[in-house]
Amino acid sequence: MERTLQAQVDGARALADKAEWLVVMGGYFRDIDDLGKATQCVHDALHIYRHDLNDSHPDTWDSLCGTADLVEMAIEPRAVWEPMFQEALAHETDLLGRDHVNSLQTVFSLGSCQILHEACSRTQGLTLPLTIETLAITGECLVRQNKFDDAEVSLRKCYALKCQGFGPDHPNTQKTTSQLSTVYIKQGQFDQAATLNQQVFDVYFRTLGPTHRETIASHINIGHTKLLAGQYDDAKVFYHLSPRRHPAHHVLVLSPPSHARCRPHPSRVS
């Protein structure tokens, strides 16, 4: 893949095309966690847009955002990357309007999620990924601020929209289910948290299989919740894993008896 992308960069006749392929190549390196090469690619692209093309190409500001994002990922101070986002947002707003998806994406990168959610709900639709993700991140921030009631409202709405947009079994949907269970734990609502953790486990067991790490982690999470609730005997069941190892994946395999016992009692299902 790297050679293919490099061939496209080297073979580009127009500077704008070369910059575009450099951005694509940077995205590839970012996806494989090679941030050094990713940063070099986007810096090279940004140099073309800003110096060779004199800020005249509309993709200049998207490239600037990508550069700022990588700078932030490199744990640089806010004073380094925030002005880059602000400059990009100012130009995108002038060129495209405040409600354009490019402008909204930059607002998302800046972290202004509550403001962004209002704009996305009005202009992009409730079930589009950007709209939904703003709710999820808002919920996470509220949890960190110990505003658990507000976080619950945000995450419950996010979960409903993800079920509608992605489907109830989608990994992104189950991620929000796990986040909501964390809120319930913080609130001391252990039975509700255990029920949600059970839901996550059931989905992962069915869709990913018993040997997947997410399945095993979600199984242990049920036990952890019951442990916090003081249900020590019940918790032991969920910490029990078969000593057998899967020959291909070398991970612990849930024993069938454990899976059979991990259904919650009907009286505890809301």
C-alpha atoms as a PDB file:
ATOM      1  CA  MET A   1       0.000   0.000   0.000  1.00  0.00           C
ATOM      2  CA  GLU A   2       2.803   2.414   0.889  1.00  0.00           C
ATOM      3  CA  ARG A   3       4.511   1.846  -2.478  1.00  0.00           C
ATOM      4  CA  THR A   4       1.218   2.339  -4.320  1.00  0.00           C
ATOM      5  CA  LEU A   5       0.540   5.629  -2.560  1.00  0.00           C
ATOM      6  CA  GLN A   6       4.108   6.820  -3.067  1.00  0.00           C
ATOM      7  CA  ALA A   7       3.775   6.070  -6.781  1.00  0.00           C
ATOM      8  CA  GLN A   8       0.665   8.270  -6.901  1.00  0.00           C
ATOM      9  CA  VAL A   9       2.510  11.085  -5.122  1.00  0.00           C
ATOM     10  CA  ASP A  10       5.530  10.828  -7.428  1.00  0.00           C
ATOM     11  CA  GLY A  11       3.376  10.555 -10.548  1.00  0.00           C
ATOM     12  CA  ALA A  12       1.119  13.527  -9.809  1.00  0.00           C
ATOM     13  CA  ARG A  13       1.472  16.191 -12.500  1.00  0.00           C
ATOM     14  CA  ALA A  14      -0.332  19.007 -10.703  1.00  0.00           C
ATOM     15  CA  LEU A  15       0.775  20.318  -7.313  1.00  0.00           C
ATOM     16  CA  ALA A  16      -2.772  20.104  -5.972  1.00  0.00           C
ATOM     17  CA  ASP A  17      -2.953  16.433  -6.954  1.00  0.00           C
ATOM     18  CA  LYS A  18       0.370  15.756  -5.272  1.00  0.00           C
ATOM     19  CA  ALA A  19      -0.811  17.452  -2.087  1.00  0.00           C
ATOM     20  CA  GLU A  20      -4.038  15.458  -2.141  1.00  0.00           C
ATOM     21  CA  TRP A  21      -2.168  12.163  -2.424  1.00  0.00           C
ATOM     22  CA  LEU A  22       0.191  13.224   0.367  1.00  0.00           C
ATOM     23  CA  VAL A  23      -2.836  13.751   2.605  1.00  0.00           C
ATOM     24  CA  VAL A  24      -4.155  10.305   1.679  1.00  0.00           C
ATOM     25  CA  MET A  25      -0.757   8.788   2.393  1.00  0.00           C
ATOM     26  CA  GLY A  26      -0.642  10.591   5.721  1.00  0.00           C
ATOM     27  CA  GLY A  27      -4.010   9.112   6.605  1.00  0.00           C
ATOM     28  CA  TYR A  28      -2.687   5.650   5.821  1.00  0.00           C
ATOM     29  CA  PHE A  29       0.305   6.110   8.128  1.00  0.00           C
ATOM     30  CA  ARG A  30      -1.947   7.495  10.832  1.00  0.00           C
ATOM     31  CA  ASP A  31      -4.189   4.433  10.593  1.00  0.00           C
ATOM     32  CA  ILE A  32      -1.203   2.150  11.190  1.00  0.00           C
ATOM     33  CA  ASP A  33       0.023   4.374  14.060  1.00  0.00           C
ATOM     34  CA  ASP A  34       3.146   5.609  12.295  1.00  0.00           C
ATOM     35  CA  LEU A  35       2.701   9.208  13.416  1.00  0.00           C
ATOM     36  CA  GLY A  36       6.182  10.262  12.317  1.00  0.00           C
ATOM     37  CA  LYS A  37       5.563   9.455   8.649  1.00  0.00           C
ATOM     38  CA  ALA A  38       1.972  10.705   8.888  1.00  0.00           C
ATOM     39  CA  THR A  39       3.169  14.066  10.184  1.00  0.00           C
ATOM     40  CA  GLN A  40       5.790  14.359   7.445  1.00  0.00           C
ATOM     41  CA  CYS A  41       3.186  13.680   4.743  1.00  0.00           C
ATOM     42  CA  VAL A  42       0.677  16.248   5.984  1.00  0.00           C
ATOM     43  CA  HIS A  43       3.427  18.825   6.530  1.00  0.00           C
ATOM     44  CA  ASP A  44       4.585  18.327   2.932  1.00  0.00           C
ATOM     45  CA  ALA A  45       0.999  18.656   1.700  1.00  0.00           C
ATOM     46  CA  LEU A  46       0.428  21.765   3.786  1.00  0.00           C
ATOM     47  CA  HIS A  47       3.609  23.350   2.418  1.00  0.00           C
ATOM     48  CA  ILE A  48       2.290  22.890  -1.118  1.00  0.00           C
ATOM     49  CA  TYR A  49      -1.114  24.345  -0.245  1.00  0.00           C
ATOM     50  CA  ARG A  50       0.214  27.304   1.729  1.00  0.00           C
ATOM     51  CA  HIS A  51       3.409  28.249  -0.119  1.00  0.00           C
ATOM     52  CA  ASP A  52       3.286  26.830  -3.645  1.00  0.00           C
ATOM     53  CA  LEU A  53      -0.452  27.449  -4.112  1.00  0.00           C
ATOM     54  CA  ASN A  54      -0.598  30.522  -1.825  1.00  0.00           C
ATOM     55  CA  ASP A  55      -3.615  29.399   0.232  1.00  0.00           C
ATOM     56  CA  SER A  56      -5.762  29.452  -2.896  1.00  0.00           C
ATOM     57  CA  HIS A  57      -6.911  25.823  -2.864  1.00  0.00           C
ATOM     58  CA  PRO A  58     -10.057  25.005  -0.808  1.00  0.00           C
ATOM     59  CA  ASP A  59      -8.395  21.902   0.673  1.00  0.00           C
ATOM     60  CA  THR A  60      -5.766  24.079   2.353  1.00  0.00           C
ATOM     61  CA  TRP A  61      -7.765  24.421   5.539  1.00  0.00           C
ATOM     62  CA  ASP A  62      -8.700  20.774   5.773  1.00  0.00           C
ATOM     63  CA  SER A  63      -4.992  19.997   5.491  1.00  0.00           C
ATOM     64  CA  LEU A  64      -4.231  22.538   8.217  1.00  0.00           C
ATOM     65  CA  CYS A  65      -6.751  20.790  10.475  1.00  0.00           C
ATOM     66  CA  GLY A  66      -5.116  17.449   9.775  1.00  0.00           C
ATOM     67  CA  THR A  67      -1.745  18.893  10.713  1.00  0.00           C
ATOM     68  CA  ALA A  68      -3.142  20.385  13.919  1.00  0.00           C
ATOM     69  CA  ASP A  69      -4.744  17.065  14.787  1.00  0.00           C
ATOM     70  CA  LEU A  70      -1.419  15.245  14.490  1.00  0.00           C
ATOM     71  CA  VAL A  71       0.314  17.941  16.531  1.00  0.00           C
ATOM     72  CA  GLU A  72      -2.277  17.431  19.249  1.00  0.00           C
ATOM     73  CA  MET A  73      -1.808  13.648  19.093  1.00  0.00           C
ATOM     74  CA  ALA A  74       1.914  14.227  19.650  1.00  0.00           C
ATOM     75  CA  ILE A  75       0.986  15.756  23.053  1.00  0.00           C
ATOM     76  CA  GLU A  76       2.099  19.231  22.047  1.00  0.00           C
ATOM     77  CA  PRO A  77       0.794  22.126  24.197  1.00  0.00           C
ATOM     78  CA  ARG A  78      -2.610  23.576  23.413  1.00  0.00           C
ATOM     79  CA  ALA A  79      -0.945  26.869  22.511  1.00  0.00           C
ATOM     80  CA  VAL A  80       0.650  25.101  19.527  1.00  0.00           C
ATOM     81  CA  TRP A  81      -2.341  23.362  17.928  1.00  0.00           C
ATOM     82  CA  GLU A  82      -5.324  25.512  18.934  1.00  0.00           C
ATOM     83  CA  PRO A  83      -4.357  28.527  16.764  1.00  0.00           C
ATOM     84  CA  MET A  84      -4.072  26.185  13.777  1.00  0.00           C
ATOM     85  CA  PHE A  85      -7.627  24.937  14.280  1.00  0.00           C
ATOM     86  CA  GLN A  86      -8.873  28.495  14.843  1.00  0.00           C
ATOM     87  CA  GLU A  87      -7.248  29.745  11.639  1.00  0.00           C
ATOM     88  CA  ALA A  88      -8.710  26.872   9.638  1.00  0.00           C
ATOM     89  CA  LEU A  89     -12.170  27.434  11.127  1.00  0.00           C
ATOM     90  CA  ALA A  90     -12.082  31.151  10.342  1.00  0.00           C
ATOM     91  CA  HIS A  91     -11.250  30.515   6.676  1.00  0.00           C
ATOM     92  CA  GLU A  92     -13.735  27.633   6.327  1.00  0.00           C
ATOM     93  CA  THR A  93     -16.486  29.762   7.823  1.00  0.00           C
ATOM     94  CA  ASP A  94     -15.734  32.595   5.388  1.00  0.00           C
ATOM     95  CA  LEU A  95     -15.518  30.286   2.366  1.00  0.00           C
ATOM     96  CA  LEU A  96     -18.163  27.671   3.121  1.00  0.00           C
ATOM     97  CA  GLY A  97     -20.337  28.996   5.932  1.00  0.00           C
ATOM     98  CA  ARG A  98     -20.502  28.075   9.612  1.00  0.00           C
ATOM     99  CA  ASP A  99     -22.902  25.168   9.039  1.00  0.00           C
ATOM    100  CA  HIS A 100     -20.893  23.462   6.282  1.00  0.00           C
ATOM    101  CA  VAL A 101     -19.750  19.969   7.209  1.00  0.00           C
ATOM    102  CA  ASN A 102     -16.061  20.970   6.900  1.00  0.00           C
ATOM    103  CA  SER A 103     -16.566  23.838   9.343  1.00  0.00           C
ATOM    104  CA  LEU A 104     -18.498  21.591  11.702  1.00  0.00           C
ATOM    105  CA  GLN A 105     -15.754  18.968  11.569  1.00  0.00           C
ATOM    106  CA  THR A 106     -13.224  21.592  12.629  1.00  0.00           C
ATOM    107  CA  VAL A 107     -15.450  22.651  15.519  1.00  0.00           C
ATOM    108  CA  PHE A 108     -15.543  18.966  16.466  1.00  0.00           C
ATOM    109  CA  SER A 109     -11.749  18.800  16.433  1.00  0.00           C
ATOM    110  CA  LEU A 110     -11.635  21.826  18.726  1.00  0.00           C
ATOM    111  CA  GLY A 111     -13.874  20.006  21.182  1.00  0.00           C
ATOM    112  CA  SER A 112     -16.838  22.405  21.262  1.00  0.00           C
ATOM    113  CA  CYS A 113     -19.257  19.495  21.252  1.00  0.00           C
ATOM    114  CA  GLN A 114     -22.320  21.045  22.878  1.00  0.00           C
ATOM    115  CA  ILE A 115     -22.284  23.946  20.410  1.00  0.00           C
ATOM    116  CA  LEU A 116     -21.592  21.525  17.588  1.00  0.00           C
ATOM    117  CA  HIS A 117     -24.455  19.204  18.500  1.00  0.00           C
ATOM    118  CA  GLU A 118     -26.961  22.041  18.230  1.00  0.00           C
ATOM    119  CA  ALA A 119     -25.637  22.975  14.783  1.00  0.00           C
ATOM    120  CA  CYS A 120     -25.468  19.365  13.576  1.00  0.00           C
ATOM    121  CA  SER A 121     -28.979  18.594  14.787  1.00  0.00           C
ATOM    122  CA  ARG A 122     -30.273  21.588  12.861  1.00  0.00           C
ATOM    123  CA  THR A 123     -28.336  21.143   9.631  1.00  0.00           C
ATOM    124  CA  GLN A 124     -26.987  17.597   9.299  1.00  0.00           C
ATOM    125  CA  GLY A 125     -29.724  15.418  10.778  1.00  0.00           C
ATOM    126  CA  LEU A 126     -29.888  13.539  14.067  1.00  0.00           C
ATOM    127  CA  THR A 127     -28.604  10.187  12.844  1.00  0.00           C
ATOM    128  CA  LEU A 128     -25.484  11.293  10.976  1.00  0.00           C
ATOM    129  CA  PRO A 129     -22.234  10.062  12.586  1.00  0.00           C
ATOM    130  CA  LEU A 130     -20.905  13.544  13.405  1.00  0.00           C
ATOM    131  CA  THR A 131     -24.112  14.463  15.233  1.00  0.00           C
ATOM    132  CA  ILE A 132     -24.109  11.238  17.222  1.00  0.00           C
ATOM    133  CA  GLU A 133     -20.429  11.398  18.099  1.00  0.00           C
ATOM    134  CA  THR A 134     -20.816  14.873  19.580  1.00  0.00           C
ATOM    135  CA  LEU A 135     -23.365  13.459  22.011  1.00  0.00           C
ATOM    136  CA  ALA A 136     -21.049  10.599  22.956  1.00  0.00           C
ATOM    137  CA  ILE A 137     -18.107  12.895  23.664  1.00  0.00           C
ATOM    138  CA  THR A 138     -20.322  15.342  25.548  1.00  0.00           C
ATOM    139  CA  GLY A 139     -21.409  12.442  27.748  1.00  0.00           C
ATOM    140  CA  GLU A 140     -17.791  11.417  28.365  1.00  0.00           C
ATOM    141  CA  CYS A 141     -16.863  14.976  29.350  1.00  0.00           C
ATOM    142  CA  LEU A 142     -19.801  15.216  31.740  1.00  0.00           C
ATOM    143  CA  VAL A 143     -18.710  11.965  33.394  1.00  0.00           C
ATOM    144  CA  ARG A 144     -15.232  13.408  33.949  1.00  0.00           C
ATOM    145  CA  GLN A 145     -16.857  16.489  35.487  1.00  0.00           C
ATOM    146  CA  ASN A 146     -18.859  14.205  37.827  1.00  0.00           C
ATOM    147  CA  LYS A 147     -22.112  15.494  36.307  1.00  0.00           C
ATOM    148  CA  PHE A 148     -23.572  12.014  36.160  1.00  0.00           C
ATOM    149  CA  ASP A 149     -27.251  12.916  35.738  1.00  0.00           C
ATOM    150  CA  ASP A 150     -26.456  15.128  32.738  1.00  0.00           C
ATOM    151  CA  ALA A 151     -24.113  12.473  31.364  1.00  0.00           C
ATOM    152  CA  GLU A 152     -26.861   9.863  31.620  1.00  0.00           C
ATOM    153  CA  VAL A 153     -29.249  12.032  29.600  1.00  0.00           C
ATOM    154  CA  SER A 154     -26.639  12.625  26.895  1.00  0.00           C
ATOM    155  CA  LEU A 155     -25.549   8.986  26.644  1.00  0.00           C
ATOM    156  CA  ARG A 156     -29.092   7.578  26.681  1.00  0.00           C
ATOM    157  CA  LYS A 157     -29.985   9.857  23.773  1.00  0.00           C
ATOM    158  CA  CYS A 158     -26.751   8.889  22.024  1.00  0.00           C
ATOM    159  CA  TYR A 159     -27.534   5.188  22.494  1.00  0.00           C
ATOM    160  CA  ALA A 160     -31.020   5.598  21.007  1.00  0.00           C
ATOM    161  CA  LEU A 161     -29.622   7.421  17.966  1.00  0.00           C
ATOM    162  CA  LYS A 162     -26.886   4.823  17.457  1.00  0.00           C
ATOM    163  CA  CYS A 163     -29.462   2.037  17.569  1.00  0.00           C
ATOM    164  CA  GLN A 164     -31.399   3.897  14.897  1.00  0.00           C
ATOM    165  CA  GLY A 165     -28.414   4.854  12.758  1.00  0.00           C
ATOM    166  CA  PHE A 166     -25.996   1.933  13.199  1.00  0.00           C
ATOM    167  CA  GLY A 167     -28.126  -0.851  14.657  1.00  0.00           C
ATOM    168  CA  PRO A 168     -28.176  -2.266  18.208  1.00  0.00           C
ATOM    169  CA  ASP A 169     -25.382  -4.788  17.579  1.00  0.00           C
ATOM    170  CA  HIS A 170     -22.905  -2.325  16.074  1.00  0.00           C
ATOM    171  CA  PRO A 171     -19.636  -2.024  18.066  1.00  0.00           C
ATOM    172  CA  ASN A 172     -20.083   1.744  18.212  1.00  0.00           C
ATOM    173  CA  THR A 173     -23.504   1.257  19.786  1.00  0.00           C
ATOM    174  CA  GLN A 174     -22.130  -1.162  22.352  1.00  0.00           C
ATOM    175  CA  LYS A 175     -19.358   1.299  23.211  1.00  0.00           C
ATOM    176  CA  THR A 176     -22.025   3.764  24.309  1.00  0.00           C
ATOM    177  CA  THR A 177     -23.778   1.010  26.257  1.00  0.00           C
ATOM    178  CA  SER A 178     -20.540   0.455  28.175  1.00  0.00           C
ATOM    179  CA  GLN A 179     -20.176   4.182  28.810  1.00  0.00           C
ATOM    180  CA  LEU A 180     -23.717   4.327  30.134  1.00  0.00           C
ATOM    181  CA  SER A 181     -23.013   1.405  32.469  1.00  0.00           C
ATOM    182  CA  THR A 182     -20.064   3.392  33.840  1.00  0.00           C
ATOM    183  CA  VAL A 183     -22.435   6.248  34.661  1.00  0.00           C
ATOM    184  CA  TYR A 184     -24.736   3.859  36.512  1.00  0.00           C
ATOM    185  CA  ILE A 185     -21.778   2.537  38.511  1.00  0.00           C
ATOM    186  CA  LYS A 186     -20.795   6.092  39.439  1.00  0.00           C
ATOM    187  CA  GLN A 187     -24.391   6.664  40.559  1.00  0.00           C
ATOM    188  CA  GLY A 188     -24.405   3.467  42.614  1.00  0.00           C
ATOM    189  CA  GLN A 189     -27.020   1.851  40.356  1.00  0.00           C
ATOM    190  CA  PHE A 190     -25.200  -1.469  40.171  1.00  0.00           C
ATOM    191  CA  ASP A 191     -28.132  -3.623  39.034  1.00  0.00           C
ATOM    192  CA  GLN A 192     -28.748  -1.368  36.033  1.00  0.00           C
ATOM    193  CA  ALA A 193     -25.037  -1.312  35.243  1.00  0.00           C
ATOM    194  CA  ALA A 194     -24.862  -5.112  35.419  1.00  0.00           C
ATOM    195  CA  THR A 195     -27.840  -5.410  33.087  1.00  0.00           C
ATOM    196  CA  LEU A 196     -26.147  -3.184  30.505  1.00  0.00           C
ATOM    197  CA  ASN A 197     -22.865  -5.053  30.855  1.00  0.00           C
ATOM    198  CA  GLN A 198     -24.795  -8.273  30.321  1.00  0.00           C
ATOM    199  CA  GLN A 199     -26.270  -6.786  27.144  1.00  0.00           C
ATOM    200  CA  VAL A 200     -22.803  -5.894  25.871  1.00  0.00           C
ATOM    201  CA  PHE A 201     -21.545  -9.393  26.633  1.00  0.00           C
ATOM    202  CA  ASP A 202     -24.491 -11.062  24.877  1.00  0.00           C
ATOM    203  CA  VAL A 203     -23.912  -8.997  21.728  1.00  0.00           C
ATOM    204  CA  TYR A 204     -20.165  -9.631  21.670  1.00  0.00           C
ATOM    205  CA  PHE A 205     -20.596 -13.344  22.385  1.00  0.00           C
ATOM    206  CA  ARG A 206     -23.038 -13.597  19.485  1.00  0.00           C
ATOM    207  CA  THR A 207     -21.215 -11.371  16.986  1.00  0.00           C
ATOM    208  CA  LEU A 208     -17.526 -11.731  17.881  1.00  0.00           C
ATOM    209  CA  GLY A 209     -17.483 -15.170  19.462  1.00  0.00           C
ATOM    210  CA  PRO A 210     -16.379 -16.410  22.893  1.00  0.00           C
ATOM    211  CA  THR A 211     -12.638 -16.050  22.264  1.00  0.00           C
ATOM    212  CA  HIS A 212     -12.616 -12.364  21.367  1.00  0.00           C
ATOM    213  CA  ARG A 213     -10.975 -10.069  23.895  1.00  0.00           C
ATOM    214  CA  GLU A 214     -13.994  -7.741  23.931  1.00  0.00           C
ATOM    215  CA  THR A 215     -16.235 -10.685  24.812  1.00  0.00           C
ATOM    216  CA  ILE A 216     -13.981 -11.748  27.666  1.00  0.00           C
ATOM    217  CA  ALA A 217     -13.562  -8.181  28.953  1.00  0.00           C
ATOM    218  CA  SER A 218     -17.317  -7.602  28.955  1.00  0.00           C
ATOM    219  CA  HIS A 219     -17.811 -10.894  30.824  1.00  0.00           C
ATOM    220  CA  ILE A 220     -15.393  -9.750  33.532  1.00  0.00           C
ATOM    221  CA  ASN A 221     -17.113  -6.346  33.682  1.00  0.00           C
ATOM    222  CA  ILE A 222     -20.323  -8.031  34.808  1.00  0.00           C
ATOM    223  CA  GLY A 223     -18.445  -9.682  37.647  1.00  0.00           C
ATOM    224  CA  HIS A 224     -16.763  -6.397  38.561  1.00  0.00           C
ATOM    225  CA  THR A 225     -20.136  -4.663  38.797  1.00  0.00           C
ATOM    226  CA  LYS A 226     -21.530  -7.407  41.014  1.00  0.00           C
ATOM    227  CA  LEU A 227     -18.411  -7.195  43.169  1.00  0.00           C
ATOM    228  CA  LEU A 228     -19.004  -3.470  43.685  1.00  0.00           C
ATOM    229  CA  ALA A 229     -22.593  -4.260  44.646  1.00  0.00           C
ATOM    230  CA  GLY A 230     -21.378  -6.680  47.317  1.00  0.00           C
ATOM    231  CA  GLN A 231     -22.705  -9.739  45.468  1.00  0.00           C
ATOM    232  CA  TYR A 232     -19.512 -11.706  45.987  1.00  0.00           C
ATOM    233  CA  ASP A 233     -20.822 -15.201  45.247  1.00  0.00           C
ATOM    234  CA  ASP A 234     -22.421 -14.014  42.006  1.00  0.00           C
ATOM    235  CA  ALA A 235     -19.233 -12.173  41.069  1.00  0.00           C
ATOM    236  CA  LYS A 236     -17.176 -15.369  41.318  1.00  0.00           C
ATOM    237  CA  VAL A 237     -19.183 -16.902  38.474  1.00  0.00           C
ATOM    238  CA  PHE A 238     -18.212 -14.110  36.099  1.00  0.00           C
ATOM    239  CA  TYR A 239     -14.545 -14.218  36.971  1.00  0.00           C
ATOM    240  CA  HIS A 240     -14.459 -17.951  36.208  1.00  0.00           C
ATOM    241  CA  LEU A 241     -12.803 -18.701  32.878  1.00  0.00           C
ATOM    242  CA  SER A 242     -11.917 -22.048  31.415  1.00  0.00           C
ATOM    243  CA  PRO A 243      -8.186 -22.841  31.658  1.00  0.00           C
ATOM    244  CA  ARG A 244      -8.302 -24.067  28.065  1.00  0.00           C
ATOM    245  CA  ARG A 245      -6.637 -21.887  25.473  1.00  0.00           C
ATOM    246  CA  HIS A 246      -7.780 -21.368  21.948  1.00  0.00           C
ATOM    247  CA  PRO A 247      -5.189 -22.988  19.651  1.00  0.00           C
ATOM    248  CA  ALA A 248      -5.330 -20.234  17.064  1.00  0.00           C
ATOM    249  CA  HIS A 249      -5.718 -17.042  19.070  1.00  0.00           C
ATOM    250  CA  HIS A 250      -4.047 -18.042  22.358  1.00  0.00           C
ATOM    251  CA  VAL A 251      -6.639 -16.337  24.514  1.00  0.00           C
ATOM    252  CA  LEU A 252      -8.719 -17.681  27.344  1.00  0.00           C
ATOM    253  CA  VAL A 253     -11.946 -19.342  26.246  1.00  0.00           C
ATOM    254  CA  LEU A 254     -15.186 -18.896  28.164  1.00  0.00           C
ATOM    255  CA  SER A 255     -16.436 -22.225  29.363  1.00  0.00           C
ATOM    256  CA  PRO A 256     -20.004 -23.125  28.324  1.00  0.00           C
ATOM    257  CA  PRO A 257     -21.181 -23.380  31.966  1.00  0.00           C
ATOM    258  CA  SER A 258     -20.019 -19.815  32.599  1.00  0.00           C
ATOM    259  CA  HIS A 259     -21.966 -18.554  29.614  1.00  0.00           C
ATOM    260  CA  ALA A 260     -25.064 -20.443  30.710  1.00  0.00           C
ATOM    261  CA  ARG A 261     -24.909 -18.878  34.161  1.00  0.00           C
ATOM    262  CA  CYS A 262     -24.235 -15.325  33.051  1.00  0.00           C
ATOM    263  CA  ARG A 263     -27.861 -14.599  32.205  1.00  0.00           C
ATOM    264  CA  PRO A 264     -29.291 -12.181  34.785  1.00  0.00           C
ATOM    265  CA  HIS A 265     -32.205 -13.295  36.919  1.00  0.00           C
ATOM    266  CA  PRO A 266     -35.489 -12.266  35.207  1.00  0.00           C
ATOM    267  CA  SER A 267     -36.443 -10.149  38.222  1.00  0.00           C
ATOM    268  CA  ARG A 268     -33.361  -7.983  37.644  1.00  0.00           C
ATOM    269  CA  VAL A 269     -34.000  -7.198  33.999  1.00  0.00           C
ATOM    270  CA  SER A 270     -35.606  -3.815  33.534  1.00  0.00           C
END
